[in-house]
Amino acid sequence: MNRTAAIHRVTTETDIQLALLLEGSGKAEIATGIGFLDHMLVAFTRHSLFDLTIAAKGDLEIDAHHTTEDVGIVLGQALKEALGEKRGIRRFGQALVPMDEALAEAAIDLSGRPHLSWDIAFPIPRLGGMETELFREFFSALATNAALTLHLSARAGENAHHIAEATFKAFAQGLRMAVEMDPRMGDAVPSTKGLL
């Protein structure tokens, strides 16, 4: 099984090409023009064991907002497309990931109902050239466009880099679990409604 998606989205603010393979090996080719976002997306790819290619051009002369949000939109769309009817998947995933003093938790339901619960605070407003408030925008856009329920929280942390990286890695591990095929599920959709 190769669950894949390829999307090219163009607006007046961004031009994003993205390819996603769920049955990957953690291979990442990421170029968004935002160094810290690239770093987080490489970590996400490595720990989800997806293969992910992103080439994004955005209006970075303004700020990083449009590019960050639109990458979240396109990644969410690709995830939704790659999952299709979600037959045979585990559906739920969760992870608790430490990074030194930081501890981040992710809980995911591939429910078809978009929702983000965010309980993460950063001690500084920027990491590299990226505003830390944009992480919430990224995950909100992703959750909405993938139609998934996502709870993210930082249980501990003092270093903003560690908090962000633990969050992306927790999301990666939880999502990896949620999209996995469950041999006991067979070809069924994991819902009493028969549809997700």
N, C-alpha and C. Protein backbone atom coordinates (compact mmCIF):
# COMPACT_ATOMS: atom_id res chain seq x y z
N MET A 1 0.84 -1.18 0.00
CA MET A 1 0.00 0.00 0.00
C MET A 1 0.88 1.24 0.00
N ASN A 2 0.56 2.16 -0.89
CA ASN A 2 1.24 3.44 -0.93
C ASN A 2 0.20 4.54 -0.90
N ARG A 3 -0.02 5.11 0.26
CA ARG A 3 -0.98 6.20 0.39
C ARG A 3 -0.23 7.52 0.16
N THR A 4 -0.57 8.17 -0.94
CA THR A 4 0.18 9.34 -1.35
C THR A 4 -0.75 10.49 -1.71
N ALA A 5 -0.16 11.66 -1.78
CA ALA A 5 -0.87 12.85 -2.26
C ALA A 5 0.16 13.82 -2.79
N ALA A 6 -0.21 14.55 -3.82
CA ALA A 6 0.62 15.62 -4.37
C ALA A 6 -0.29 16.81 -4.64
N ILE A 7 0.09 17.96 -4.10
CA ILE A 7 -0.75 19.15 -4.21
C ILE A 7 0.10 20.34 -4.62
N HIS A 8 -0.46 21.15 -5.50
CA HIS A 8 0.17 22.42 -5.88
C HIS A 8 -0.88 23.50 -5.65
N ARG A 9 -0.61 24.38 -4.72
CA ARG A 9 -1.56 25.45 -4.37
C ARG A 9 -0.90 26.80 -4.61
N VAL A 10 -1.58 27.63 -5.39
CA VAL A 10 -1.06 28.95 -5.71
C VAL A 10 -2.07 30.01 -5.30
N THR A 11 -1.61 31.01 -4.56
CA THR A 11 -2.42 32.18 -4.23
C THR A 11 -1.59 33.42 -4.55
N THR A 12 -2.15 34.58 -4.31
CA THR A 12 -1.38 35.81 -4.51
C THR A 12 -0.28 35.97 -3.47
N GLU A 13 -0.33 35.15 -2.41
CA GLU A 13 0.65 35.26 -1.32
C GLU A 13 1.68 34.14 -1.31
N THR A 14 1.29 32.95 -1.77
CA THR A 14 2.21 31.81 -1.72
C THR A 14 2.04 30.90 -2.93
N ASP A 15 3.09 30.14 -3.20
CA ASP A 15 3.09 29.10 -4.23
C ASP A 15 3.75 27.88 -3.58
N ILE A 16 2.93 26.84 -3.34
CA ILE A 16 3.42 25.69 -2.57
C ILE A 16 3.19 24.41 -3.34
N GLN A 17 4.26 23.64 -3.50
CA GLN A 17 4.18 22.28 -4.04
C GLN A 17 4.56 21.31 -2.94
N LEU A 18 3.74 20.28 -2.77
CA LEU A 18 3.95 19.33 -1.68
C LEU A 18 3.63 17.92 -2.14
N ALA A 19 4.49 16.99 -1.76
CA ALA A 19 4.25 15.57 -2.01
C ALA A 19 4.41 14.81 -0.70
N LEU A 20 3.47 13.90 -0.44
CA LEU A 20 3.44 13.16 0.82
C LEU A 20 3.26 11.68 0.56
N LEU A 21 4.05 10.86 1.22
CA LEU A 21 3.91 9.41 1.19
C LEU A 21 3.85 8.92 2.62
N LEU A 22 2.71 8.34 3.00
CA LEU A 22 2.56 7.87 4.38
C LEU A 22 3.44 6.65 4.66
N GLU A 23 3.58 5.77 3.69
CA GLU A 23 4.43 4.59 3.87
C GLU A 23 5.85 4.93 3.45
N GLY A 24 6.44 5.86 4.14
CA GLY A 24 7.78 6.32 3.80
C GLY A 24 8.83 5.81 4.76
N SER A 25 9.96 6.53 4.77
CA SER A 25 11.07 6.14 5.63
C SER A 25 11.64 7.34 6.38
N GLY A 26 10.92 8.47 6.36
CA GLY A 26 11.38 9.65 7.05
C GLY A 26 12.21 10.57 6.19
N LYS A 27 12.09 10.44 4.86
CA LYS A 27 12.85 11.26 3.93
C LYS A 27 12.20 12.63 3.77
N ALA A 28 12.99 13.69 3.98
CA ALA A 28 12.46 15.05 3.92
C ALA A 28 13.25 15.88 2.93
N GLU A 29 12.53 16.61 2.08
CA GLU A 29 13.11 17.65 1.23
C GLU A 29 12.25 18.88 1.43
N ILE A 30 12.68 19.75 2.31
CA ILE A 30 11.86 20.87 2.76
C ILE A 30 12.55 22.18 2.44
N ALA A 31 11.84 23.07 1.76
CA ALA A 31 12.36 24.40 1.47
C ALA A 31 11.20 25.38 1.49
N THR A 32 10.99 26.02 2.64
CA THR A 32 9.90 26.99 2.76
C THR A 32 10.40 28.43 2.75
N GLY A 33 11.71 28.61 2.85
CA GLY A 33 12.27 29.94 2.99
C GLY A 33 12.31 30.41 4.44
N ILE A 34 11.78 29.60 5.36
CA ILE A 34 11.78 29.92 6.79
C ILE A 34 12.61 28.84 7.48
N GLY A 35 13.81 29.19 7.87
CA GLY A 35 14.74 28.18 8.36
C GLY A 35 14.23 27.37 9.53
N PHE A 36 13.63 28.02 10.52
CA PHE A 36 13.18 27.27 11.67
C PHE A 36 12.00 26.37 11.34
N LEU A 37 11.10 26.82 10.46
CA LEU A 37 9.99 25.96 10.03
C LEU A 37 10.51 24.74 9.29
N ASP A 38 11.51 24.94 8.44
CA ASP A 38 12.13 23.80 7.75
C ASP A 38 12.67 22.80 8.76
N HIS A 39 13.34 23.30 9.78
CA HIS A 39 13.92 22.43 10.82
C HIS A 39 12.83 21.61 11.51
N MET A 40 11.70 22.23 11.82
CA MET A 40 10.61 21.53 12.48
C MET A 40 9.97 20.51 11.55
N LEU A 41 9.82 20.84 10.28
CA LEU A 41 9.19 19.92 9.33
C LEU A 41 10.10 18.72 9.02
N VAL A 42 11.40 18.93 9.04
CA VAL A 42 12.33 17.80 8.89
C VAL A 42 12.20 16.88 10.09
N ALA A 43 12.12 17.45 11.30
CA ALA A 43 11.94 16.63 12.51
C ALA A 43 10.61 15.88 12.45
N PHE A 44 9.55 16.57 12.03
CA PHE A 44 8.25 15.92 11.89
C PHE A 44 8.34 14.74 10.93
N THR A 45 8.98 14.94 9.79
CA THR A 45 9.07 13.88 8.78
C THR A 45 9.86 12.69 9.30
N ARG A 46 10.99 12.97 9.95
CA ARG A 46 11.83 11.88 10.45
C ARG A 46 11.09 11.04 11.49
N HIS A 47 10.30 11.67 12.34
CA HIS A 47 9.68 10.94 13.43
C HIS A 47 8.30 10.38 13.07
N SER A 48 7.70 10.85 12.01
CA SER A 48 6.46 10.24 11.52
C SER A 48 6.75 9.07 10.59
N LEU A 49 7.97 9.03 10.06
CA LEU A 49 8.38 8.08 9.03
C LEU A 49 7.55 8.23 7.75
N PHE A 50 7.03 9.43 7.51
CA PHE A 50 6.47 9.75 6.20
C PHE A 50 7.63 10.19 5.30
N ASP A 51 7.38 10.27 4.01
CA ASP A 51 8.27 10.98 3.10
C ASP A 51 7.54 12.27 2.73
N LEU A 52 8.25 13.38 2.80
CA LEU A 52 7.61 14.68 2.59
C LEU A 52 8.53 15.59 1.81
N THR A 53 7.99 16.15 0.72
CA THR A 53 8.69 17.15 -0.07
C THR A 53 7.85 18.41 -0.09
N ILE A 54 8.44 19.54 0.26
CA ILE A 54 7.75 20.82 0.23
C ILE A 54 8.67 21.85 -0.42
N ALA A 55 8.15 22.51 -1.44
CA ALA A 55 8.83 23.66 -2.04
C ALA A 55 7.85 24.82 -1.97
N ALA A 56 8.15 25.81 -1.14
CA ALA A 56 7.23 26.92 -0.91
C ALA A 56 7.92 28.25 -1.20
N LYS A 57 7.19 29.10 -1.89
CA LYS A 57 7.62 30.48 -2.11
C LYS A 57 6.51 31.37 -1.58
N GLY A 58 6.88 32.28 -0.70
CA GLY A 58 5.87 33.15 -0.11
C GLY A 58 6.35 34.57 0.02
N ASP A 59 5.47 35.43 0.48
CA ASP A 59 5.77 36.85 0.62
C ASP A 59 6.52 37.12 1.93
N LEU A 60 7.71 36.54 2.01
CA LEU A 60 8.50 36.65 3.23
C LEU A 60 9.03 38.06 3.44
N GLU A 61 8.96 38.89 2.41
CA GLU A 61 9.35 40.29 2.59
C GLU A 61 8.37 41.01 3.52
N ILE A 62 7.15 40.43 3.68
CA ILE A 62 6.17 40.96 4.63
C ILE A 62 6.43 40.35 6.00
N ASP A 63 6.21 39.05 6.10
CA ASP A 63 6.57 38.27 7.29
C ASP A 63 6.35 36.81 6.95
N ALA A 64 6.46 35.96 7.96
CA ALA A 64 6.38 34.51 7.74
C ALA A 64 4.97 33.95 7.87
N HIS A 65 4.00 34.81 8.17
CA HIS A 65 2.66 34.33 8.49
C HIS A 65 2.01 33.57 7.35
N HIS A 66 1.91 34.17 6.17
CA HIS A 66 1.20 33.53 5.07
C HIS A 66 1.83 32.20 4.67
N THR A 67 3.15 32.18 4.61
CA THR A 67 3.84 30.95 4.22
C THR A 67 3.62 29.85 5.24
N THR A 68 3.76 30.18 6.52
CA THR A 68 3.58 29.17 7.57
C THR A 68 2.17 28.61 7.56
N GLU A 69 1.17 29.49 7.52
CA GLU A 69 -0.21 29.04 7.52
C GLU A 69 -0.54 28.23 6.27
N ASP A 70 -0.06 28.68 5.12
CA ASP A 70 -0.39 27.99 3.88
C ASP A 70 0.30 26.64 3.76
N VAL A 71 1.50 26.51 4.32
CA VAL A 71 2.13 25.18 4.38
C VAL A 71 1.28 24.25 5.24
N GLY A 72 0.74 24.76 6.36
CA GLY A 72 -0.17 23.96 7.18
C GLY A 72 -1.42 23.56 6.42
N ILE A 73 -1.97 24.48 5.64
CA ILE A 73 -3.15 24.18 4.83
C ILE A 73 -2.86 23.05 3.85
N VAL A 74 -1.77 23.18 3.11
CA VAL A 74 -1.46 22.20 2.06
C VAL A 74 -1.08 20.84 2.66
N LEU A 75 -0.35 20.84 3.77
CA LEU A 75 -0.03 19.56 4.43
C LEU A 75 -1.30 18.90 4.93
N GLY A 76 -2.23 19.67 5.48
CA GLY A 76 -3.51 19.11 5.91
C GLY A 76 -4.29 18.53 4.74
N GLN A 77 -4.34 19.25 3.62
CA GLN A 77 -5.04 18.76 2.44
C GLN A 77 -4.42 17.47 1.93
N ALA A 78 -3.09 17.41 1.93
CA ALA A 78 -2.41 16.21 1.45
C ALA A 78 -2.67 15.02 2.36
N LEU A 79 -2.66 15.27 3.66
CA LEU A 79 -2.94 14.19 4.61
C LEU A 79 -4.35 13.65 4.40
N LYS A 80 -5.31 14.54 4.24
CA LYS A 80 -6.69 14.11 4.03
C LYS A 80 -6.81 13.30 2.75
N GLU A 81 -6.16 13.75 1.69
CA GLU A 81 -6.22 13.04 0.42
C GLU A 81 -5.55 11.67 0.51
N ALA A 82 -4.38 11.61 1.15
CA ALA A 82 -3.65 10.35 1.25
C ALA A 82 -4.41 9.31 2.07
N LEU A 83 -5.18 9.76 3.06
CA LEU A 83 -5.93 8.83 3.91
C LEU A 83 -7.19 8.30 3.24
N GLY A 84 -7.72 9.02 2.27
CA GLY A 84 -8.91 8.56 1.56
C GLY A 84 -10.08 8.30 2.50
N GLU A 85 -10.67 7.14 2.40
CA GLU A 85 -11.81 6.78 3.24
C GLU A 85 -11.40 6.34 4.64
N LYS A 86 -10.11 6.26 4.89
CA LYS A 86 -9.56 5.90 6.21
C LYS A 86 -9.91 4.47 6.61
N ARG A 87 -10.08 3.63 5.64
CA ARG A 87 -10.38 2.22 5.94
C ARG A 87 -9.16 1.53 6.57
N GLY A 88 -9.40 0.80 7.63
CA GLY A 88 -8.36 -0.02 8.24
C GLY A 88 -7.35 0.69 9.11
N ILE A 89 -7.51 2.00 9.32
CA ILE A 89 -6.52 2.71 10.12
C ILE A 89 -6.83 2.60 11.61
N ARG A 90 -5.85 2.94 12.42
CA ARG A 90 -6.06 2.93 13.86
C ARG A 90 -6.94 4.10 14.30
N ARG A 91 -6.86 5.22 13.62
CA ARG A 91 -7.65 6.43 13.82
C ARG A 91 -7.12 7.31 14.95
N PHE A 92 -6.85 6.74 16.10
CA PHE A 92 -6.40 7.51 17.25
C PHE A 92 -4.89 7.36 17.43
N GLY A 93 -4.26 8.43 17.87
CA GLY A 93 -2.83 8.38 18.17
C GLY A 93 -2.48 9.36 19.26
N GLN A 94 -1.48 9.04 20.03
CA GLN A 94 -1.03 9.94 21.08
C GLN A 94 0.44 9.72 21.35
N ALA A 95 1.08 10.77 21.84
CA ALA A 95 2.50 10.67 22.16
C ALA A 95 2.85 11.71 23.20
N LEU A 96 3.79 11.35 24.05
CA LEU A 96 4.36 12.23 25.06
C LEU A 96 5.86 12.23 24.81
N VAL A 97 6.39 13.39 24.40
CA VAL A 97 7.78 13.45 23.95
C VAL A 97 8.57 14.46 24.77
N PRO A 98 9.66 14.01 25.40
CA PRO A 98 10.54 14.94 26.11
C PRO A 98 11.64 15.45 25.19
N MET A 99 12.07 16.65 25.42
CA MET A 99 13.31 17.16 24.85
C MET A 99 13.98 17.98 25.93
N ASP A 100 14.93 17.35 26.59
CA ASP A 100 15.59 17.97 27.74
C ASP A 100 14.54 18.39 28.77
N GLU A 101 14.45 19.67 29.11
CA GLU A 101 13.49 20.09 30.15
C GLU A 101 12.07 20.23 29.64
N ALA A 102 11.89 20.19 28.31
CA ALA A 102 10.55 20.35 27.72
C ALA A 102 9.85 19.00 27.58
N LEU A 103 8.54 19.03 27.72
CA LEU A 103 7.73 17.83 27.59
C LEU A 103 6.44 18.20 26.87
N ALA A 104 6.23 17.64 25.69
CA ALA A 104 5.06 17.97 24.88
C ALA A 104 4.20 16.75 24.66
N GLU A 105 2.90 16.98 24.59
CA GLU A 105 1.93 15.90 24.41
C GLU A 105 1.04 16.20 23.21
N ALA A 106 0.78 15.17 22.43
CA ALA A 106 -0.14 15.27 21.29
C ALA A 106 -1.15 14.14 21.38
N ALA A 107 -2.41 14.46 21.15
CA ALA A 107 -3.47 13.46 21.05
C ALA A 107 -4.26 13.77 19.78
N ILE A 108 -4.48 12.74 18.97
CA ILE A 108 -5.04 12.92 17.64
C ILE A 108 -6.18 11.95 17.40
N ASP A 109 -7.23 12.46 16.78
CA ASP A 109 -8.34 11.64 16.30
C ASP A 109 -8.59 12.03 14.85
N LEU A 110 -8.42 11.09 13.93
CA LEU A 110 -8.69 11.34 12.52
C LEU A 110 -10.19 11.22 12.29
N SER A 111 -10.90 12.12 12.91
CA SER A 111 -12.35 12.02 13.10
C SER A 111 -13.18 12.57 11.96
N GLY A 112 -12.57 13.38 11.09
CA GLY A 112 -13.35 14.11 10.11
C GLY A 112 -13.92 15.40 10.67
N ARG A 113 -13.63 15.68 11.94
CA ARG A 113 -14.12 16.90 12.60
C ARG A 113 -12.92 17.75 12.99
N PRO A 114 -12.72 18.88 12.32
CA PRO A 114 -11.54 19.69 12.61
C PRO A 114 -11.63 20.42 13.94
N HIS A 115 -10.58 20.28 14.72
CA HIS A 115 -10.52 20.99 16.00
C HIS A 115 -9.07 21.02 16.46
N LEU A 116 -8.66 22.18 16.98
CA LEU A 116 -7.36 22.29 17.62
C LEU A 116 -7.54 22.80 19.03
N SER A 117 -7.01 22.05 19.99
CA SER A 117 -6.89 22.52 21.37
C SER A 117 -5.41 22.77 21.61
N TRP A 118 -5.07 24.00 22.00
CA TRP A 118 -3.68 24.44 22.09
C TRP A 118 -3.38 24.93 23.50
N ASP A 119 -2.45 24.29 24.17
CA ASP A 119 -2.05 24.71 25.51
C ASP A 119 -0.52 24.77 25.56
N ILE A 120 0.03 25.68 24.78
CA ILE A 120 1.48 25.83 24.67
C ILE A 120 1.82 27.30 24.74
N ALA A 121 2.76 27.63 25.60
CA ALA A 121 3.23 29.00 25.72
C ALA A 121 4.74 29.02 25.49
N PHE A 122 5.18 30.04 24.79
CA PHE A 122 6.61 30.19 24.51
C PHE A 122 7.17 31.37 25.30
N PRO A 123 8.37 31.22 25.84
CA PRO A 123 8.92 32.29 26.67
C PRO A 123 9.48 33.47 25.88
N ILE A 124 9.65 33.30 24.57
CA ILE A 124 10.15 34.39 23.73
C ILE A 124 9.27 34.50 22.49
N PRO A 125 9.24 35.68 21.85
CA PRO A 125 8.33 35.88 20.72
C PRO A 125 8.84 35.36 19.39
N ARG A 126 10.15 35.10 19.27
CA ARG A 126 10.70 34.67 17.98
C ARG A 126 11.73 33.56 18.17
N LEU A 127 11.80 32.68 17.17
CA LEU A 127 12.86 31.68 17.06
C LEU A 127 13.45 31.84 15.67
N GLY A 128 14.70 32.24 15.59
CA GLY A 128 15.26 32.56 14.29
C GLY A 128 14.45 33.69 13.68
N GLY A 129 14.01 33.50 12.45
CA GLY A 129 13.20 34.51 11.79
C GLY A 129 11.72 34.26 11.87
N MET A 130 11.29 33.44 12.81
CA MET A 130 9.89 33.01 12.87
C MET A 130 9.27 33.39 14.20
N GLU A 131 8.09 34.00 14.13
CA GLU A 131 7.35 34.32 15.35
C GLU A 131 6.79 33.05 15.96
N THR A 132 6.95 32.89 17.26
CA THR A 132 6.47 31.66 17.90
C THR A 132 4.95 31.54 17.87
N GLU A 133 4.23 32.65 17.74
CA GLU A 133 2.77 32.57 17.65
C GLU A 133 2.32 31.87 16.37
N LEU A 134 3.21 31.75 15.38
CA LEU A 134 2.84 31.12 14.12
C LEU A 134 2.71 29.60 14.22
N PHE A 135 3.29 29.02 15.26
CA PHE A 135 3.13 27.56 15.41
C PHE A 135 1.66 27.19 15.58
N ARG A 136 0.94 27.99 16.36
CA ARG A 136 -0.49 27.72 16.51
C ARG A 136 -1.21 27.88 15.17
N GLU A 137 -0.86 28.88 14.39
CA GLU A 137 -1.48 29.09 13.08
C GLU A 137 -1.22 27.90 12.16
N PHE A 138 0.00 27.37 12.21
CA PHE A 138 0.35 26.20 11.39
C PHE A 138 -0.52 25.00 11.75
N PHE A 139 -0.59 24.68 13.03
CA PHE A 139 -1.33 23.50 13.45
C PHE A 139 -2.84 23.69 13.28
N SER A 140 -3.33 24.90 13.45
CA SER A 140 -4.75 25.17 13.22
C SER A 140 -5.11 24.95 11.76
N ALA A 141 -4.29 25.46 10.87
CA ALA A 141 -4.53 25.27 9.43
C ALA A 141 -4.46 23.79 9.05
N LEU A 142 -3.49 23.09 9.61
CA LEU A 142 -3.34 21.67 9.32
C LEU A 142 -4.55 20.88 9.81
N ALA A 143 -4.94 21.09 11.06
CA ALA A 143 -6.07 20.35 11.64
C ALA A 143 -7.35 20.62 10.86
N THR A 144 -7.58 21.87 10.49
CA THR A 144 -8.79 22.23 9.75
C THR A 144 -8.83 21.54 8.39
N ASN A 145 -7.72 21.57 7.67
CA ASN A 145 -7.72 21.04 6.31
C ASN A 145 -7.57 19.52 6.25
N ALA A 146 -7.01 18.93 7.29
CA ALA A 146 -6.97 17.47 7.36
C ALA A 146 -8.24 16.90 7.98
N ALA A 147 -9.07 17.78 8.55
CA ALA A 147 -10.29 17.38 9.26
C ALA A 147 -9.97 16.39 10.37
N LEU A 148 -9.06 16.80 11.24
CA LEU A 148 -8.70 15.97 12.38
C LEU A 148 -8.84 16.76 13.67
N THR A 149 -9.02 16.04 14.75
CA THR A 149 -9.04 16.63 16.08
C THR A 149 -7.63 16.51 16.66
N LEU A 150 -7.10 17.63 17.14
CA LEU A 150 -5.73 17.66 17.60
C LEU A 150 -5.64 18.43 18.92
N HIS A 151 -5.11 17.75 19.92
CA HIS A 151 -4.84 18.39 21.20
C HIS A 151 -3.32 18.43 21.39
N LEU A 152 -2.78 19.63 21.55
CA LEU A 152 -1.36 19.81 21.77
C LEU A 152 -1.14 20.59 23.06
N SER A 153 -0.22 20.11 23.88
CA SER A 153 0.07 20.81 25.12
C SER A 153 1.53 20.63 25.48
N ALA A 154 2.05 21.62 26.18
CA ALA A 154 3.41 21.53 26.73
C ALA A 154 3.28 21.38 28.24
N ARG A 155 3.64 20.24 28.74
CA ARG A 155 3.56 19.99 30.18
C ARG A 155 4.68 20.65 30.94
N ALA A 156 5.79 20.88 30.24
CA ALA A 156 6.95 21.51 30.87
C ALA A 156 7.80 22.13 29.77
N GLY A 157 8.66 23.07 30.15
CA GLY A 157 9.58 23.64 29.19
C GLY A 157 9.96 25.06 29.54
N GLU A 158 11.23 25.36 29.33
CA GLU A 158 11.75 26.71 29.53
C GLU A 158 12.39 27.25 28.27
N ASN A 159 12.96 26.38 27.46
CA ASN A 159 13.64 26.78 26.24
C ASN A 159 12.66 26.69 25.07
N ALA A 160 12.47 27.80 24.35
CA ALA A 160 11.47 27.84 23.28
C ALA A 160 11.77 26.86 22.16
N HIS A 161 13.03 26.70 21.81
CA HIS A 161 13.42 25.74 20.78
C HIS A 161 13.02 24.33 21.20
N HIS A 162 13.30 23.98 22.43
CA HIS A 162 12.96 22.65 22.93
C HIS A 162 11.44 22.44 22.95
N ILE A 163 10.69 23.44 23.35
CA ILE A 163 9.22 23.33 23.38
C ILE A 163 8.68 23.09 21.98
N ALA A 164 9.14 23.88 21.02
CA ALA A 164 8.66 23.73 19.64
C ALA A 164 9.03 22.37 19.08
N GLU A 165 10.27 21.95 19.27
CA GLU A 165 10.71 20.69 18.69
C GLU A 165 10.01 19.50 19.35
N ALA A 166 9.83 19.53 20.64
CA ALA A 166 9.09 18.46 21.31
C ALA A 166 7.66 18.39 20.80
N THR A 167 7.05 19.55 20.53
CA THR A 167 5.68 19.60 20.02
C THR A 167 5.59 18.95 18.65
N PHE A 168 6.48 19.30 17.74
CA PHE A 168 6.46 18.72 16.40
C PHE A 168 6.74 17.22 16.43
N LYS A 169 7.63 16.80 17.30
CA LYS A 169 7.94 15.37 17.40
C LYS A 169 6.78 14.60 18.02
N ALA A 170 6.12 15.18 19.01
CA ALA A 170 4.95 14.52 19.59
C ALA A 170 3.84 14.39 18.55
N PHE A 171 3.62 15.46 17.78
CA PHE A 171 2.63 15.40 16.71
C PHE A 171 2.99 14.31 15.70
N ALA A 172 4.26 14.23 15.35
CA ALA A 172 4.72 13.22 14.39
C ALA A 172 4.46 11.81 14.90
N GLN A 173 4.83 11.55 16.15
CA GLN A 173 4.65 10.21 16.72
C GLN A 173 3.16 9.85 16.84
N GLY A 174 2.35 10.81 17.29
CA GLY A 174 0.92 10.55 17.42
C GLY A 174 0.26 10.32 16.08
N LEU A 175 0.64 11.11 15.08
CA LEU A 175 0.05 10.95 13.75
C LEU A 175 0.49 9.65 13.11
N ARG A 176 1.74 9.30 13.30
CA ARG A 176 2.23 8.01 12.80
C ARG A 176 1.37 6.86 13.33
N MET A 177 1.06 6.91 14.60
CA MET A 177 0.21 5.88 15.21
C MET A 177 -1.19 5.90 14.62
N ALA A 178 -1.76 7.09 14.46
CA ALA A 178 -3.15 7.21 14.01
C ALA A 178 -3.36 6.72 12.58
N VAL A 179 -2.37 6.94 11.70
CA VAL A 179 -2.56 6.56 10.29
C VAL A 179 -2.18 5.11 10.03
N GLU A 180 -1.56 4.45 11.00
CA GLU A 180 -1.14 3.06 10.80
C GLU A 180 -2.33 2.16 10.51
N MET A 181 -2.09 1.17 9.67
CA MET A 181 -3.10 0.17 9.38
C MET A 181 -3.19 -0.81 10.56
N ASP A 182 -4.41 -1.08 10.98
CA ASP A 182 -4.66 -2.01 12.07
C ASP A 182 -5.10 -3.33 11.47
N PRO A 183 -4.30 -4.39 11.58
CA PRO A 183 -4.66 -5.66 10.95
C PRO A 183 -5.97 -6.24 11.46
N ARG A 184 -6.37 -5.89 12.67
CA ARG A 184 -7.64 -6.39 13.21
C ARG A 184 -8.83 -5.64 12.64
N MET A 185 -8.58 -4.44 12.09
CA MET A 185 -9.65 -3.63 11.54
C MET A 185 -10.06 -4.09 10.16
N GLY A 186 -9.14 -4.78 9.46
CA GLY A 186 -9.44 -5.22 8.10
C GLY A 186 -9.68 -4.02 7.20
N ASP A 187 -10.76 -4.06 6.42
CA ASP A 187 -11.08 -2.99 5.48
C ASP A 187 -12.16 -2.06 6.04
N ALA A 188 -12.46 -2.20 7.31
CA ALA A 188 -13.55 -1.41 7.90
C ALA A 188 -13.08 0.01 8.21
N VAL A 189 -14.03 0.90 8.27
CA VAL A 189 -13.78 2.26 8.75
C VAL A 189 -13.93 2.25 10.27
N PRO A 190 -12.95 2.77 11.01
CA PRO A 190 -13.00 2.69 12.47
C PRO A 190 -13.97 3.70 13.09
N SER A 191 -15.23 3.47 12.84
CA SER A 191 -16.29 4.33 13.38
C SER A 191 -17.60 3.56 13.41
N THR A 192 -18.39 3.78 14.47
CA THR A 192 -19.71 3.14 14.53
C THR A 192 -20.64 3.70 13.46
N LYS A 193 -20.29 4.87 12.92
CA LYS A 193 -21.11 5.46 11.85
C LYS A 193 -20.78 4.88 10.49
N GLY A 194 -19.62 4.21 10.38
CA GLY A 194 -19.21 3.67 9.10
C GLY A 194 -18.59 4.70 8.18
N LEU A 195 -18.33 5.90 8.69
CA LEU A 195 -17.78 6.98 7.86
C LEU A 195 -17.01 7.94 8.75
N LEU A 196 -15.86 8.36 8.28
CA LEU A 196 -15.06 9.37 8.99
C LEU A 196 -14.81 10.54 8.06
